[in-house]
N, C-alpha and C. Protein backbone atom coordinates (compact mmCIF):
# COMPACT_ATOMS: atom_id res chain seq x y z
N MET A 1 59.09 51.74 41.66
CA MET A 1 58.65 53.31 42.10
C MET A 1 57.37 53.46 41.48
N PRO A 2 56.08 53.47 42.01
CA PRO A 2 54.76 53.89 41.70
C PRO A 2 54.71 55.21 40.93
N LEU A 3 53.98 55.18 39.77
CA LEU A 3 53.54 56.27 39.04
C LEU A 3 52.48 57.00 40.10
N LEU A 4 52.48 58.33 40.10
CA LEU A 4 51.41 59.30 40.28
C LEU A 4 51.23 60.19 39.17
N HIS A 5 49.93 60.24 38.70
CA HIS A 5 49.39 61.07 37.77
C HIS A 5 48.40 61.95 38.36
N VAL A 6 48.61 63.33 37.93
CA VAL A 6 47.72 64.33 38.37
C VAL A 6 46.99 64.98 37.19
N ALA A 7 45.75 64.75 36.97
CA ALA A 7 45.27 65.42 35.96
C ALA A 7 44.14 66.63 36.20
N PHE A 8 44.30 68.00 35.93
CA PHE A 8 43.53 69.09 35.94
C PHE A 8 42.32 68.96 35.42
N GLN A 9 41.25 68.81 35.73
CA GLN A 9 40.18 68.58 34.76
C GLN A 9 39.08 70.07 34.65
N GLU A 10 38.05 69.99 35.24
CA GLU A 10 37.04 70.95 35.20
C GLU A 10 37.11 72.18 36.12
N GLY A 11 36.96 73.36 35.67
CA GLY A 11 36.72 74.63 36.34
C GLY A 11 38.43 75.58 36.29
N PHE A 12 39.14 75.10 35.49
CA PHE A 12 40.14 76.15 35.58
C PHE A 12 40.18 76.74 34.55
N ASP A 13 40.41 78.39 34.79
CA ASP A 13 40.31 79.51 34.21
C ASP A 13 41.44 80.54 34.39
N GLY A 14 42.71 79.96 33.81
CA GLY A 14 43.79 80.88 33.74
C GLY A 14 44.45 80.67 35.04
N ASP A 15 44.28 79.67 35.70
CA ASP A 15 45.00 79.71 37.10
C ASP A 15 46.39 79.44 37.03
N THR A 16 47.30 79.59 38.20
CA THR A 16 48.23 79.07 38.67
C THR A 16 48.21 78.05 39.38
N VAL A 17 48.69 76.87 39.35
CA VAL A 17 48.50 75.87 40.05
C VAL A 17 50.15 75.22 40.63
N VAL A 18 49.78 74.88 41.56
CA VAL A 18 51.08 74.29 42.42
C VAL A 18 50.76 73.07 43.12
N VAL A 19 51.74 72.02 43.03
CA VAL A 19 51.46 70.70 43.54
C VAL A 19 52.83 70.28 44.43
N ARG A 20 52.74 69.92 45.66
CA ARG A 20 53.76 69.68 46.54
C ARG A 20 53.42 68.01 46.85
N VAL A 21 54.35 67.39 46.64
CA VAL A 21 54.28 65.93 47.19
C VAL A 21 55.29 65.94 48.71
N ASN A 22 54.98 65.44 49.86
CA ASN A 22 55.78 65.11 51.08
C ASN A 22 56.32 66.55 51.20
N GLY A 23 55.72 67.64 50.56
CA GLY A 23 56.32 68.90 51.18
C GLY A 23 57.15 69.72 50.15
N LYS A 24 57.42 68.72 49.09
CA LYS A 24 58.54 69.21 48.13
C LYS A 24 57.79 69.80 46.77
N GLU A 25 57.99 70.88 46.33
CA GLU A 25 57.27 71.15 45.11
C GLU A 25 57.64 70.71 43.96
N ILE A 26 56.74 69.85 43.22
CA ILE A 26 57.16 69.18 42.02
C ILE A 26 56.33 69.73 40.80
N PHE A 27 55.34 70.72 41.08
CA PHE A 27 54.66 71.11 39.85
C PHE A 27 54.36 72.60 40.08
N ARG A 28 54.55 73.33 39.24
CA ARG A 28 53.85 74.71 39.18
C ARG A 28 53.69 75.31 37.75
N LYS A 29 52.65 75.62 37.31
CA LYS A 29 52.34 76.22 35.95
C LYS A 29 51.19 77.31 36.17
N ASP A 30 51.34 78.34 35.43
CA ASP A 30 50.56 79.50 35.29
C ASP A 30 49.33 79.24 34.17
N ASN A 31 48.57 80.05 34.08
CA ASN A 31 47.54 79.96 33.28
C ASN A 31 47.09 78.87 32.59
N VAL A 32 46.77 77.85 33.79
CA VAL A 32 46.11 76.46 33.43
C VAL A 32 44.36 76.82 33.22
N LYS A 33 44.07 76.31 32.00
CA LYS A 33 42.57 76.52 31.57
C LYS A 33 41.86 75.15 31.14
N THR A 34 40.62 75.05 31.43
CA THR A 34 39.94 73.81 30.90
C THR A 34 39.76 73.91 29.74
N ARG A 35 39.87 72.91 28.88
CA ARG A 35 39.14 72.81 27.57
C ARG A 35 37.85 72.30 27.57
N LEU A 36 36.84 73.05 27.51
CA LEU A 36 35.42 72.72 27.93
C LEU A 36 35.16 71.59 27.35
N GLN A 37 35.70 71.23 25.73
CA GLN A 37 35.29 70.08 25.05
C GLN A 37 35.51 68.84 25.57
N ILE A 38 36.50 68.99 26.11
CA ILE A 38 37.11 67.41 26.86
C ILE A 38 37.16 67.48 28.25
N GLY A 39 36.94 68.53 28.90
CA GLY A 39 37.04 68.65 30.36
C GLY A 39 38.44 68.44 31.00
N TYR A 40 39.35 68.89 30.39
CA TYR A 40 40.83 68.84 30.40
C TYR A 40 41.53 69.96 30.49
N ALA A 41 42.50 70.10 31.47
CA ALA A 41 43.20 71.20 31.38
C ALA A 41 44.92 71.05 31.24
N ASP A 42 45.33 70.15 32.16
CA ASP A 42 46.80 69.81 32.10
C ASP A 42 46.70 68.79 32.84
N SER A 43 48.30 68.17 32.80
CA SER A 43 48.48 66.80 33.84
C SER A 43 49.84 66.77 33.83
N PHE A 44 50.31 66.08 34.70
CA PHE A 44 51.74 65.90 35.16
C PHE A 44 51.78 64.41 35.58
N GLU A 45 53.15 63.55 35.54
CA GLU A 45 53.20 62.26 36.48
C GLU A 45 54.59 62.39 36.58
N ASN A 46 54.81 61.54 37.96
CA ASN A 46 56.17 61.44 38.23
C ASN A 46 56.19 60.21 39.02
N ASN A 47 57.38 59.28 39.14
CA ASN A 47 57.38 58.08 39.95
C ASN A 47 57.93 58.55 41.34
N PHE A 48 57.37 57.79 42.30
CA PHE A 48 57.63 58.28 43.78
C PHE A 48 57.86 56.86 44.57
N ASN A 49 58.66 56.95 45.53
CA ASN A 49 59.04 55.59 46.41
C ASN A 49 57.60 55.09 47.07
N LYS A 50 57.38 53.85 47.13
CA LYS A 50 56.57 53.26 47.41
C LYS A 50 56.15 53.81 49.27
N GLY A 51 54.80 53.86 49.49
CA GLY A 51 54.75 54.42 50.95
C GLY A 51 53.82 55.52 51.32
N PRO A 52 53.49 55.91 52.40
CA PRO A 52 52.64 57.22 52.39
C PRO A 52 52.97 58.29 51.64
N ALA A 53 52.04 59.25 51.10
CA ALA A 53 52.49 60.57 50.31
C ALA A 53 51.41 61.36 50.59
N THR A 54 51.96 62.66 50.78
CA THR A 54 50.79 63.71 51.22
C THR A 54 50.86 64.55 49.74
N VAL A 55 49.95 64.73 49.22
CA VAL A 55 49.74 65.64 48.11
C VAL A 55 49.09 66.94 48.51
N ASP A 56 49.84 68.06 48.11
CA ASP A 56 49.13 69.25 48.22
C ASP A 56 48.74 69.95 47.02
N ILE A 57 47.34 70.45 46.81
CA ILE A 57 47.36 71.20 45.54
C ILE A 57 46.92 72.22 45.88
N VAL A 58 47.70 73.61 45.37
CA VAL A 58 47.33 74.78 45.54
C VAL A 58 46.93 75.78 44.43
N LEU A 59 45.90 76.63 44.56
CA LEU A 59 45.78 77.47 43.69
C LEU A 59 45.72 78.95 44.44
N PRO A 60 47.21 79.65 44.15
CA PRO A 60 47.48 80.63 45.23
C PRO A 60 46.29 81.97 44.89
N SER A 61 45.97 82.04 43.34
CA SER A 61 45.52 83.50 43.06
C SER A 61 44.12 83.08 43.83
N LYS A 62 43.23 81.78 43.89
CA LYS A 62 42.05 81.85 44.28
C LYS A 62 42.15 81.27 45.89
N SER A 63 42.96 81.31 46.41
CA SER A 63 43.22 81.03 48.01
C SER A 63 42.59 79.67 48.06
N LEU A 64 42.71 78.71 47.30
CA LEU A 64 42.17 77.36 47.47
C LEU A 64 43.42 76.38 47.51
N SER A 65 43.24 75.39 48.30
CA SER A 65 44.06 74.41 48.52
C SER A 65 43.27 73.21 48.97
N GLU A 66 43.81 71.98 48.63
CA GLU A 66 43.28 70.57 49.24
C GLU A 66 44.55 69.46 49.48
N THR A 67 44.43 69.01 50.32
CA THR A 67 45.48 67.76 50.73
C THR A 67 44.75 66.42 50.74
N VAL A 68 45.70 65.72 49.74
CA VAL A 68 45.53 64.18 49.65
C VAL A 68 46.43 63.18 50.40
N GLN A 69 45.83 62.38 51.23
CA GLN A 69 46.66 61.38 51.87
C GLN A 69 46.73 60.13 51.10
N LEU A 70 47.87 59.50 50.60
CA LEU A 70 47.48 58.58 49.75
C LEU A 70 48.69 57.36 50.22
N GLN A 71 48.35 56.01 50.03
CA GLN A 71 49.41 55.06 50.41
C GLN A 71 50.03 54.53 48.56
N LEU A 72 51.20 54.94 48.32
CA LEU A 72 51.49 54.68 46.84
C LEU A 72 52.34 53.41 46.91
N ALA A 73 51.51 52.49 46.16
CA ALA A 73 52.07 51.05 45.85
C ALA A 73 51.94 50.74 44.52
N ALA A 74 51.21 51.26 43.88
CA ALA A 74 50.57 50.88 42.31
C ALA A 74 50.59 52.36 41.55
N PRO A 75 50.42 52.21 40.22
CA PRO A 75 50.13 53.53 39.51
C PRO A 75 48.76 54.14 40.26
N THR A 76 48.83 55.55 40.28
CA THR A 76 47.76 56.16 41.30
C THR A 76 47.37 57.38 40.35
N TYR A 77 45.91 57.57 40.19
CA TYR A 77 45.57 59.01 39.27
C TYR A 77 44.81 59.71 40.09
N ILE A 78 44.93 61.26 40.22
CA ILE A 78 44.27 61.91 41.03
C ILE A 78 43.51 62.97 39.68
N GLY A 79 42.44 63.01 39.71
CA GLY A 79 41.69 63.93 38.75
C GLY A 79 41.34 65.00 39.74
N VAL A 80 41.75 66.48 39.55
CA VAL A 80 41.65 67.60 40.27
C VAL A 80 40.53 68.59 39.36
N SER A 81 39.52 68.85 39.79
CA SER A 81 38.64 69.91 39.59
C SER A 81 38.08 70.94 40.47
N ILE A 82 37.70 72.05 40.03
CA ILE A 82 37.41 73.18 40.96
C ILE A 82 35.89 73.21 40.67
N GLN A 83 35.15 73.14 41.85
CA GLN A 83 33.57 73.06 41.73
C GLN A 83 33.17 74.29 42.82
N GLN A 84 32.41 74.98 42.61
CA GLN A 84 31.60 75.66 43.66
C GLN A 84 32.81 76.10 44.65
N ASP A 85 34.01 77.00 44.32
CA ASP A 85 34.83 77.42 44.88
C ASP A 85 35.81 76.36 45.94
N LYS A 86 35.57 75.21 45.14
CA LYS A 86 36.26 74.10 46.12
C LYS A 86 37.28 73.11 45.35
N ILE A 87 38.13 72.72 45.79
CA ILE A 87 39.10 71.78 44.86
C ILE A 87 38.55 70.47 45.40
N ASN A 88 37.93 69.67 44.38
CA ASN A 88 37.61 68.29 44.38
C ASN A 88 38.56 67.32 43.65
N CYS A 89 38.87 66.48 44.64
CA CYS A 89 40.00 65.43 44.30
C CYS A 89 39.30 64.18 43.98
N ARG A 90 39.49 63.35 42.88
CA ARG A 90 38.97 62.10 42.64
C ARG A 90 39.95 60.88 42.37
N ILE A 91 40.34 59.89 43.10
CA ILE A 91 41.56 59.16 43.15
C ILE A 91 40.72 57.94 42.54
N SER A 92 41.99 57.50 41.44
CA SER A 92 41.65 56.18 40.67
C SER A 92 42.67 55.21 40.44
N ASP A 93 42.57 54.20 40.10
CA ASP A 93 43.89 53.02 39.75
C ASP A 93 43.97 53.00 38.27
N GLN A 94 43.12 53.67 37.71
CA GLN A 94 43.04 53.45 36.25
C GLN A 94 43.09 54.89 35.49
N PRO A 95 43.80 55.09 34.16
CA PRO A 95 43.86 56.49 33.92
C PRO A 95 42.52 56.98 33.55
N PHE A 96 42.41 58.51 33.31
CA PHE A 96 41.14 59.07 32.94
C PHE A 96 41.44 59.16 31.64
N GLY A 97 39.84 59.10 30.93
CA GLY A 97 39.90 59.00 29.47
C GLY A 97 39.37 60.53 29.07
N TYR A 98 39.74 61.11 28.00
CA TYR A 98 39.22 62.31 27.45
C TYR A 98 39.08 62.15 26.00
N VAL A 99 38.11 62.59 25.40
CA VAL A 99 37.72 62.28 23.89
C VAL A 99 37.77 63.65 23.48
């Protein structure tokens, strides 16, 4: 079962964040804030079955959402940032580094 790691990075300012994978809510947290020194707010990870996955990232208080389509076969890392009132996602097969 491949790992899916979601990291909330730049632009979070006390936001409520909801993440659904294939329609099932797997993460919800209030007051997510970016630590400006390192560009990191929070993260979570979980293992999922191999195959297609639809990841929905929602910030209800800002009326923002983004959907990412993935093919899970190996560890997958999603970096989520808010820039110019839009959710931007960066997908990697390597963990993100924070200093």
